[in-house]
Amino acid sequence: MRAAPSLIFGFAACAFFLIGESAARSAEIDSKKVLAPVSERFAEPALDESPDFQRHVVPLLGRVGCNGRACHGSFKGQGGFQLSLFGYDFESDHEQMTGEDYSRIDRESPRESMVLQKPTLQMDHDGGEVITANSWQYNLLSRWIEQGAKELKGEAELTRLEVTPDEIVSSKTGEEIELRVVAVWSDGSTEDVTPLCRFQTNDPTVAAIDEHGSITIGESGDTHVVVFYDSAVRPIPVIKPFNANYGSTYPTVQTKSEVDQLVVQKLRKLGIVPSELAGDADFLRRVQLDLTGTLPAAWEVEAFLSDDSPNKRSEKIEELMQTPAYAAWWATKLCDMTGNNPASLNNEVGRDRASEDWFRWIEKRVAENRPYDELVEGIVLAVSREDDESYADYCEAMSDIYRVDAKADFADRSTMPHYWARRTFTKPEDRAIGFAYAFLGVRIQCAQCHKHPFDQWTQTDFKNFEAFFTGVTYNVDPKSKKEYQQMLQAISGDEKGNAARQKIGSLLLQGEVVPLREVYAETPAPALKNKKQNQRRRNRTRVAESGRVLGGEEINFSEAGGDIRKPLMDWLRSKDNKYFARAFVNRVWANYFNRGIVEPPDDLSLANAPVNGPLLDYLADGFIERGYDMKWLHREITNSDTYQRSWRPNETNASDESNFSRAVHRRLPAEVAVDALAFATAADDRVRALKESNEGRAIAVPGAGQRSRAITEAGNAGFAFEVFGRSIRESNCDCDRSADPSVLQTIFLRNDNDLLKRLEANGDTWIAQLKGCIAPGAADRQTVAERRILQIKKQIDREQAKLDELTAETEQDTKQIARSLTRLDRLHESLADSESRVAALKRAAQFENRLAKATPETVIREAYLRTLSRYPTDNELEVARGFFNNADGMETGARDLMWALLNTKEFIINH
């Protein structure tokens, strides 16, 4: 199933030849055979050489800015002269310069040509003087015209760029370093193209670069300068160490994992020493918020701090990945990526129910730790029907799922078709853009109109890629249209459109079998010998005949057969395609460190190079090698010293925000902030209930947007989502979620009416528990959990006996055996969960009577544990006593203290 057609995997050579192939490649180039730069060869006008249009003329136009977006490369061009933006369309550019309808080239009197007279201001030119007469640029263009202004189709293609030096580490402010760029072509020829390249810097404060490729070293830090030539984009790292202790003089730093080694390898070049490891309290709070979106309960903090086992951190990580909150939080993240917004769903089951299906389908697979590629396959290749399911069977299955007393669950369906059923996701171009964003981390939308300014993708690449999205439809399958009409006539009267859909939805809830639209895949018909018949068929169908994955070879869909999305999924899985794995790895890393290894995390373009390429490669390769195991990825990151470092800086890393030498303060995501406020202020029993089930959790709200019923029903939580910047899921951008602080957030924490009610002694609040000294009863729950373990063990014994009986039979029922094995696996998982729960309850039981004898000191400690996940310092304890001494009773003192702690920066940030 995972094998991929070999014809599409020329991808690696095409997509990654421009990235970081350094010293070994450079050594292959014979410097004696490298053609001298055109600035030398065309310094004099009497040269016999004929310039090449693609290699010389078009890059020169780009170098001097003629084909930039502010000049002739703009959408409408300038003065009737339009060039392709950044010079990717050589045929069109050649036609614009030499075509019969234009007069920009004078082959009989080359120096009278408009393309020479205008840029030298011998004729009026709104762009001013671009080149000077008799310069090498002038001579090159003049010589090309003299030689007939040929396009020379079929010439060799650019293979790669070699840039020297390929990495710069300099400690000298103001030092100037010249880049030399050599183009390597498929025919083996090489040429110094430095004068024809465009250059930019990603951070001019660290490294400025001029139009000639001369770098000037500035402030301490690291960045990339980017070289552009032809279709190539090559980033070159530039590092200015922060002190003299870098390289060979760098102090010894112990590393326990490959992640740590690769991070320290980069820090060594910068002279940055990483911070010490965070304390247990900081670690526990950080990892629970990051991994499960959940604030630790007070008793969890106490138990963890009192545990002196050496492996307690790694054990806690494993424990957290078994919780319902882990599945809910990462399902929410994946819903952000894939665009789960009820406003774009408009089907018979109701947009909110469809949005909930979307969330639950993903949540179930995250909880089961299904491989990421398998989860994505269930979205990419989604159709509404199961294999061999007839239309009538499909409608009946949906009735079983959506009826009020339903026993079936949509999450058990093989695929998740709602991704393709969005009314905002019907055009192939929109699908191509959304797909590239979600699963590749690539912003390909620029290539819809012109060559991507910071990547290799052209408009042709975009057109070929969007072909894969022409074969899926959400509507009535023509093959089932007769059945659909018959069922519709049987249940509806005069209703049409939305009225008919509403009636169908109402009957569906009542358990009626009703006609439903569906997501189905269309396949292109085999090509006909008659060309006219083929053309007529093309005019009738929307399904493309062929397509091309990004950087790959053309695929003929008729020859490939089946769902035209299948080769696309095979390409995603290919080990040569690192976009798929890198995009997910980078987003997960960003969740833990406030920034991606590539930043922004959804912009994996060639010009936007990773801050630590070897680190991203290691994690992406490991993710693929381990079968896209999401828990492996979380485990690899969170167990590293890099993740567990303190936020407290040392003298070398105070200004480091991008190389992961210390933890960075991060405002809590909206859902996490809402839940943290609930956890901090709720009674212990309510906190336990929230931990045991996702019901009522903000991190488990399925949809997004103001039209989401789940958000509307959440009441004040919906307003809090808006205040704290929950993802609106309206565009193909991670920026739909905001982490920016605001004055409104401060006002909310200080004055929100519902929040203030949580600090009153009513309902299931902690203040009410304090007032009544409610005992948590961990010991009772421990007994219940132990009984559950005994029950599961008995079920395992029965299932194993049944399996033994089935395997002993002469005529084995393979399906029944498979189902039995699946049930056994799930029972063993339940057993492990229950045993883990008993262990946690045993630890909690030690602290269950914390409030039985309430004193100001015990209440103060409890308040700190609930909000900041740590004990108060001696000074904080003394200050807090003042609250109680001046308060009108214990209840008032506790309420005032809690309000103050909820309004600290330490509460609302993850550190």
Foldseek 3Di string as FASTA:
>chain_A
DLDFDPQFPVQLQQAPQQEDPADVVVVVDDPVQAAEELQVQLLFLPHPDADACQQPVLLQCVLLPCLDCVAQVPPCHPPNQHAFRSHQPLVVNLCSQDNPVDQQADLVDRCVGVVNCALCVVDPHPVHNRDHPSGSSSSNSSRNSPVPVDNPPPDWAWRYKYKPPQEAQDQDAFDKDAIWIWTATPVGHIYTHQLSKAKDWPDVQQWGADSSRIIGGHDADKTWMWIDGHLHIHTGIHGHAPDPCADPNPDDDDWDAPLRVLLVVLCRSRSFFFFAFDDQLQLVQQCCCLQQLAGDALLVLVLRVVDPDPCSQLVVLVLSQLFLSNLLLVLLVLCLLLQLALVQADWLQHSQVLLLLSSLLSSVCSNVQPFPLQQVCLELVPKQDDPPQDQLNSLLVLLLDQAQPHPDHSSPDRHRDRSCRGNQRPQLLSVLQSCCLRQQLARCNVQCSGQDPQASHHNQQSVQSSLLVQFKDWFAPPVCVVVQVVQLVVQDDPDDDSRSSHSQNVVSRNSDRHRTTMIDTHADADDDPDPVVNVVVPVVGRRDQWHHHRSTRIDGRNVVDDRSSVSVSSVLLDPSRLSRLLLVLQVSVCSQAVDGLQPPSSHPHNNRDGVRVVSSVVLSNVCSVVSNRPSVSVSSVSVTSLSRRAQDGDPRCPPDRNSSSHHDKFFRFQQSLVNLLVQLWFAPQVNVVVRNDVVPGSSNSRHADPPNPSLVVNPVSVVSNVQQFPQRSPDSDPVSGDRDHDPVVLCCLQPPPVSLVSLDLDDGTRLVCLVVVDFPPLVVVLVVLVVVLVVLVVVLVVLVVVLVVQVPDPDHDVVVNVVSVVVNVVSVSVNVSSVSSSVSSVSSVVCRNLSVPDDQQSLQQSSCCSQLVGGDDPVVSVVLVVLQVPDPDPSRSSSVSNSVSSSDSSRRISD
